[in-house]
Protein backbone atom coordinates (compact mmCIF):
# COMPACT_ATOMS: atom_id res chain seq x y z
CA MET A 1 30.26 1.53 65.02
CA ARG A 2 28.77 -1.74 63.73
CA ARG A 3 28.00 -2.78 67.30
CA ARG A 4 26.14 0.48 67.92
CA GLU A 5 24.14 0.07 64.69
CA ALA A 6 23.25 -3.49 65.65
CA GLU A 7 22.14 -2.25 69.07
CA GLN A 8 19.93 0.41 67.46
CA ARG A 9 18.39 -2.16 65.09
CA GLY A 10 17.77 -4.44 68.05
CA ARG A 11 15.98 -1.72 70.00
CA LYS A 12 13.92 -0.81 66.95
CA GLY A 13 13.01 -4.48 66.52
CA GLU A 14 11.96 -4.77 70.16
CA THR A 15 9.77 -1.69 69.81
CA LEU A 16 8.12 -3.06 66.66
CA ALA A 17 7.62 -6.45 68.33
CA ALA A 18 6.04 -4.78 71.37
CA TRP A 19 3.58 -2.89 69.15
CA TYR A 20 2.79 -6.07 67.23
CA LEU A 21 2.05 -7.94 70.46
CA ARG A 22 -0.12 -5.09 71.74
CA PHE A 23 -2.07 -5.23 68.48
CA LYS A 24 -2.62 -8.96 69.14
CA GLY A 25 -4.01 -8.26 72.62
CA TRP A 26 -0.88 -8.70 74.74
CA ARG A 27 0.20 -6.30 77.47
CA ILE A 28 3.94 -5.64 77.68
CA VAL A 29 4.95 -5.86 81.34
CA ALA A 30 8.74 -5.54 80.96
CA ARG A 31 11.44 -4.88 78.39
CA ARG A 32 15.10 -5.88 78.36
CA VAL A 33 15.12 -7.72 81.65
CA LYS A 34 18.63 -8.84 82.58
CA THR A 35 19.45 -11.81 84.78
CA PRO A 36 22.77 -13.51 85.54
CA ARG A 37 21.61 -16.24 83.13
CA GLY A 38 20.75 -13.98 80.19
CA GLU A 39 18.41 -11.28 78.99
CA ILE A 40 14.74 -11.40 78.03
CA ASP A 41 13.77 -8.88 75.35
CA LEU A 42 10.07 -8.63 76.25
CA VAL A 43 7.78 -10.04 78.92
CA ALA A 44 4.17 -10.03 77.78
CA ARG A 45 0.89 -11.05 79.37
CA ARG A 46 -2.47 -11.96 77.88
CA GLY A 47 -5.06 -13.30 80.27
CA ARG A 48 -3.42 -16.03 82.35
CA THR A 49 -0.51 -16.53 79.95
CA VAL A 50 2.92 -14.99 80.45
CA ALA A 51 5.29 -15.04 77.48
CA PHE A 52 9.02 -14.44 77.66
CA VAL A 53 9.76 -13.15 74.17
CA GLU A 54 13.01 -13.28 72.22
CA VAL A 55 13.09 -10.73 69.39
CA LYS A 56 15.33 -11.24 66.36
CA TRP A 57 15.85 -8.57 63.71
CA ARG A 58 17.76 -9.45 60.56
CA ARG A 59 18.47 -7.59 57.34
CA THR A 60 16.79 -10.23 55.18
CA GLU A 61 14.07 -12.78 55.65
CA ALA A 62 16.53 -15.50 54.64
CA ASP A 63 18.82 -14.55 57.55
CA LEU A 64 15.94 -15.12 59.98
CA ALA A 65 16.16 -18.86 59.35
CA LEU A 66 19.47 -18.83 61.22
CA ALA A 67 18.44 -16.37 63.95
CA LEU A 68 17.24 -18.98 66.45
CA ASP A 69 19.13 -22.08 67.44
CA ALA A 70 19.15 -24.47 70.38
CA ARG A 71 21.91 -22.55 72.18
CA ARG A 72 20.08 -19.22 72.00
CA LEU A 73 16.79 -20.77 73.05
CA ALA A 74 18.49 -22.50 75.99
CA ARG A 75 19.83 -19.11 77.14
CA VAL A 76 16.37 -17.57 76.89
CA ARG A 77 14.87 -20.53 78.75
CA ALA A 78 17.40 -20.18 81.57
CA ALA A 79 16.73 -16.45 81.91
CA ALA A 80 12.96 -17.03 81.82
CA GLU A 81 13.22 -19.66 84.58
CA ALA A 82 14.95 -17.09 86.76
CA LEU A 83 12.17 -14.56 86.10
CA VAL A 84 9.08 -16.75 86.51
CA PRO A 85 8.66 -15.93 90.22
CA ARG A 86 8.76 -12.22 89.42
CA PHE A 87 6.24 -12.18 86.56
CA ALA A 88 3.98 -15.23 86.86
CA HIS A 89 1.57 -16.46 89.50
CA ALA A 90 0.60 -20.00 90.46
CA GLY A 91 -1.58 -21.65 87.84
CA GLU A 92 -0.63 -19.35 84.98
CA ASP A 93 0.66 -20.64 81.68
CA ILE A 94 4.26 -19.75 80.93
CA ARG A 95 5.89 -19.95 77.53
CA ILE A 96 8.82 -18.75 75.50
CA ASP A 97 7.93 -17.04 72.24
CA ALA A 98 10.00 -15.53 69.46
CA ILE A 99 9.24 -12.68 67.11
CA LEU A 100 11.27 -12.60 63.91
CA LEU A 101 11.53 -9.31 62.02
CA ALA A 102 13.01 -8.26 58.68
CA PRO A 103 12.53 -5.03 56.72
CA GLY A 104 9.47 -5.07 54.49
CA ARG A 105 8.00 -8.21 56.10
CA TRP A 106 5.24 -8.78 58.61
CA PRO A 107 6.49 -9.97 61.98
CA ARG A 108 6.55 -13.73 62.45
CA HIS A 109 5.36 -14.72 65.91
CA ILE A 110 6.42 -18.19 67.03
CA ALA A 111 4.47 -19.25 70.12
CA ASN A 112 6.19 -21.84 72.30
CA ALA A 113 9.46 -21.45 70.42
CA SER A 114 11.21 -23.43 73.14
CA LEU A 115 9.36 -26.51 74.27
CA GLY A 116 12.33 -28.36 75.67
């Protein structure tokens, strides 16, 4: 049951993150894209920039500090690398972003969350 609740919170977080990005001028081109190397929560585009977005939803803002680590970002980076040919064209900027969500807080959008 806890796994199902976590899944529901995750989907809700992805929906909120998608709306937040739309509000900021991004177009959502894909959601929950699976690859053998991992999953990308959202793929968004604004102009000539394509962002592969990791969404993290936690119960408290304090828990968000631990939501992203090098291992998770490496997994997202590997999945994004596999998806670049599908979503980006030559000459476009590609980045990995994160959106951190907690109840009662504005979303925190981290552009270029993974620069390595």
